[in-house]
N, C-alpha and C. Protein backbone atom coordinates (compact mmCIF):
# COMPACT_ATOMS: atom_id res chain seq x y z
N MET A 1 0.84 -1.16 0.00
CA MET A 1 0.00 0.00 0.00
C MET A 1 0.89 1.24 0.00
N LYS A 2 0.58 2.18 -0.86
CA LYS A 2 1.39 3.37 -0.98
C LYS A 2 0.87 4.48 -0.09
N ALA A 3 1.76 5.39 0.29
CA ALA A 3 1.38 6.50 1.16
C ALA A 3 0.37 7.41 0.48
N SER A 4 0.48 7.57 -0.82
CA SER A 4 -0.46 8.43 -1.55
C SER A 4 -1.88 7.85 -1.50
N GLU A 5 -2.00 6.53 -1.54
CA GLU A 5 -3.31 5.89 -1.43
C GLU A 5 -3.90 6.12 -0.04
N ILE A 6 -3.05 6.07 0.96
CA ILE A 6 -3.51 6.24 2.34
C ILE A 6 -3.98 7.67 2.57
N ARG A 7 -3.25 8.64 2.03
CA ARG A 7 -3.62 10.05 2.23
C ARG A 7 -4.97 10.39 1.62
N GLU A 8 -5.38 9.65 0.61
CA GLU A 8 -6.65 9.92 -0.06
C GLU A 8 -7.85 9.38 0.71
N MET A 9 -7.62 8.52 1.70
CA MET A 9 -8.71 7.90 2.45
C MET A 9 -9.26 8.87 3.51
N SER A 10 -10.53 8.66 3.87
CA SER A 10 -11.12 9.44 4.94
C SER A 10 -10.70 8.84 6.28
N VAL A 11 -11.00 9.54 7.36
CA VAL A 11 -10.62 9.07 8.69
C VAL A 11 -11.31 7.75 9.03
N ASP A 12 -12.59 7.63 8.66
CA ASP A 12 -13.31 6.38 8.92
C ASP A 12 -12.69 5.22 8.16
N GLU A 13 -12.34 5.46 6.90
CA GLU A 13 -11.71 4.42 6.10
C GLU A 13 -10.35 4.03 6.69
N LEU A 14 -9.62 5.03 7.20
CA LEU A 14 -8.32 4.75 7.80
C LEU A 14 -8.46 3.90 9.05
N ASN A 15 -9.47 4.19 9.86
CA ASN A 15 -9.70 3.40 11.07
C ASN A 15 -10.06 1.95 10.72
N GLU A 16 -10.87 1.78 9.69
CA GLU A 16 -11.23 0.43 9.24
C GLU A 16 -9.99 -0.31 8.72
N LYS A 17 -9.18 0.40 7.94
CA LYS A 17 -7.97 -0.20 7.38
C LYS A 17 -7.00 -0.59 8.50
N LEU A 18 -6.89 0.27 9.50
CA LEU A 18 -6.01 -0.02 10.63
C LEU A 18 -6.46 -1.29 11.35
N ALA A 19 -7.75 -1.42 11.57
CA ALA A 19 -8.27 -2.61 12.24
C ALA A 19 -7.99 -3.87 11.42
N SER A 20 -8.19 -3.79 10.11
CA SER A 20 -7.96 -4.97 9.28
C SER A 20 -6.47 -5.32 9.22
N LEU A 21 -5.60 -4.31 9.20
CA LEU A 21 -4.16 -4.58 9.19
C LEU A 21 -3.71 -5.21 10.50
N LYS A 22 -4.28 -4.76 11.61
CA LYS A 22 -3.93 -5.37 12.90
C LYS A 22 -4.37 -6.82 12.97
N GLU A 23 -5.55 -7.12 12.41
CA GLU A 23 -6.01 -8.50 12.37
C GLU A 23 -5.08 -9.35 11.51
N GLU A 24 -4.68 -8.79 10.37
CA GLU A 24 -3.78 -9.53 9.48
C GLU A 24 -2.43 -9.78 10.16
N LEU A 25 -1.92 -8.78 10.87
CA LEU A 25 -0.65 -8.94 11.57
C LEU A 25 -0.76 -10.03 12.63
N PHE A 26 -1.88 -10.06 13.35
CA PHE A 26 -2.09 -11.11 14.35
C PHE A 26 -2.06 -12.49 13.70
N ALA A 27 -2.77 -12.63 12.57
CA ALA A 27 -2.81 -13.91 11.87
C ALA A 27 -1.42 -14.31 11.36
N LEU A 28 -0.67 -13.34 10.86
CA LEU A 28 0.67 -13.63 10.36
C LEU A 28 1.59 -14.06 11.49
N ARG A 29 1.49 -13.40 12.64
CA ARG A 29 2.31 -13.78 13.79
C ARG A 29 1.97 -15.19 14.26
N PHE A 30 0.70 -15.51 14.25
CA PHE A 30 0.28 -16.84 14.65
C PHE A 30 0.83 -17.89 13.67
N GLN A 31 0.73 -17.62 12.38
CA GLN A 31 1.26 -18.56 11.37
C GLN A 31 2.77 -18.71 11.54
N HIS A 32 3.45 -17.60 11.84
CA HIS A 32 4.89 -17.65 12.02
C HIS A 32 5.27 -18.50 13.24
N ALA A 33 4.47 -18.41 14.28
CA ALA A 33 4.75 -19.15 15.51
C ALA A 33 4.63 -20.66 15.31
N VAL A 34 3.71 -21.06 14.44
CA VAL A 34 3.53 -22.50 14.21
C VAL A 34 4.20 -22.96 12.91
N ASN A 35 5.12 -22.16 12.43
CA ASN A 35 5.93 -22.48 11.25
C ASN A 35 5.11 -22.76 9.99
N GLN A 36 4.05 -22.00 9.78
CA GLN A 36 3.26 -22.15 8.57
C GLN A 36 3.35 -20.94 7.65
N LEU A 37 4.11 -19.94 8.07
CA LEU A 37 4.23 -18.72 7.28
C LEU A 37 5.29 -18.90 6.20
N GLU A 38 4.87 -18.73 4.95
CA GLU A 38 5.81 -18.91 3.84
C GLU A 38 6.51 -17.61 3.49
N ASN A 39 5.78 -16.49 3.51
CA ASN A 39 6.36 -15.21 3.13
C ASN A 39 6.57 -14.36 4.38
N THR A 40 7.74 -14.49 4.99
CA THR A 40 8.02 -13.75 6.22
C THR A 40 8.17 -12.25 5.99
N ALA A 41 8.45 -11.84 4.78
CA ALA A 41 8.57 -10.42 4.47
C ALA A 41 7.24 -9.69 4.61
N ARG A 42 6.16 -10.44 4.55
CA ARG A 42 4.82 -9.85 4.69
C ARG A 42 4.63 -9.23 6.08
N LEU A 43 5.27 -9.83 7.09
CA LEU A 43 5.20 -9.27 8.45
C LEU A 43 5.71 -7.83 8.46
N LYS A 44 6.87 -7.62 7.87
CA LYS A 44 7.47 -6.29 7.84
C LYS A 44 6.61 -5.32 7.04
N ALA A 45 6.06 -5.78 5.94
CA ALA A 45 5.23 -4.92 5.09
C ALA A 45 3.96 -4.47 5.82
N VAL A 46 3.34 -5.39 6.54
CA VAL A 46 2.12 -5.06 7.28
C VAL A 46 2.42 -4.08 8.40
N LYS A 47 3.54 -4.27 9.09
CA LYS A 47 3.93 -3.35 10.15
C LYS A 47 4.14 -1.93 9.60
N LYS A 48 4.77 -1.85 8.44
CA LYS A 48 5.00 -0.54 7.82
C LYS A 48 3.68 0.11 7.39
N ASP A 49 2.75 -0.70 6.88
CA ASP A 49 1.44 -0.17 6.50
C ASP A 49 0.70 0.36 7.72
N ILE A 50 0.79 -0.35 8.83
CA ILE A 50 0.16 0.11 10.07
C ILE A 50 0.76 1.45 10.48
N ALA A 51 2.06 1.57 10.39
CA ALA A 51 2.73 2.82 10.76
C ALA A 51 2.30 3.96 9.84
N ARG A 52 2.16 3.68 8.55
CA ARG A 52 1.72 4.72 7.61
C ARG A 52 0.31 5.21 7.94
N VAL A 53 -0.58 4.27 8.25
CA VAL A 53 -1.96 4.62 8.58
C VAL A 53 -2.00 5.43 9.86
N LYS A 54 -1.25 5.01 10.87
CA LYS A 54 -1.23 5.73 12.14
C LYS A 54 -0.67 7.14 11.97
N THR A 55 0.35 7.28 11.15
CA THR A 55 0.94 8.59 10.89
C THR A 55 -0.06 9.51 10.22
N THR A 56 -0.79 9.00 9.24
CA THR A 56 -1.79 9.79 8.53
C THR A 56 -2.93 10.17 9.47
N LEU A 57 -3.35 9.25 10.33
CA LEU A 57 -4.40 9.56 11.30
C LEU A 57 -3.95 10.65 12.26
N ARG A 58 -2.72 10.59 12.70
CA ARG A 58 -2.19 11.61 13.62
C ARG A 58 -2.11 12.95 12.92
N ALA A 59 -1.69 12.99 11.67
CA ALA A 59 -1.62 14.24 10.91
C ALA A 59 -3.00 14.86 10.75
N ALA A 60 -4.00 14.02 10.51
CA ALA A 60 -5.38 14.52 10.38
C ALA A 60 -5.88 15.06 11.71
N GLU A 61 -5.50 14.40 12.80
CA GLU A 61 -5.90 14.86 14.14
C GLU A 61 -5.29 16.22 14.45
N LEU A 62 -4.03 16.39 14.10
CA LEU A 62 -3.35 17.66 14.35
C LEU A 62 -3.90 18.77 13.45
N ALA A 63 -4.32 18.41 12.27
CA ALA A 63 -4.89 19.40 11.33
C ALA A 63 -6.22 19.93 11.83
N GLN A 64 -6.97 19.10 12.56
CA GLN A 64 -8.25 19.53 13.08
C GLN A 64 -8.08 20.54 14.21
N GLN A 65 -7.00 20.42 14.95
CA GLN A 65 -6.80 21.30 16.10
C GLN A 65 -6.35 22.65 15.71
């Protein structure tokens, strides 16, 4: 997911995306723990996407103030 795509989303969409990314990260961690995860790089990518979404949400929060 690109930062430009994230910036175009509304706050509600960002919150939904954040929740889905956290669920995906949980599932990936579980698969990794039981040695069923084939693409370990996906863990890092999901973490970065979560950080991008959180950063955009914080910027929107500061813009409102």
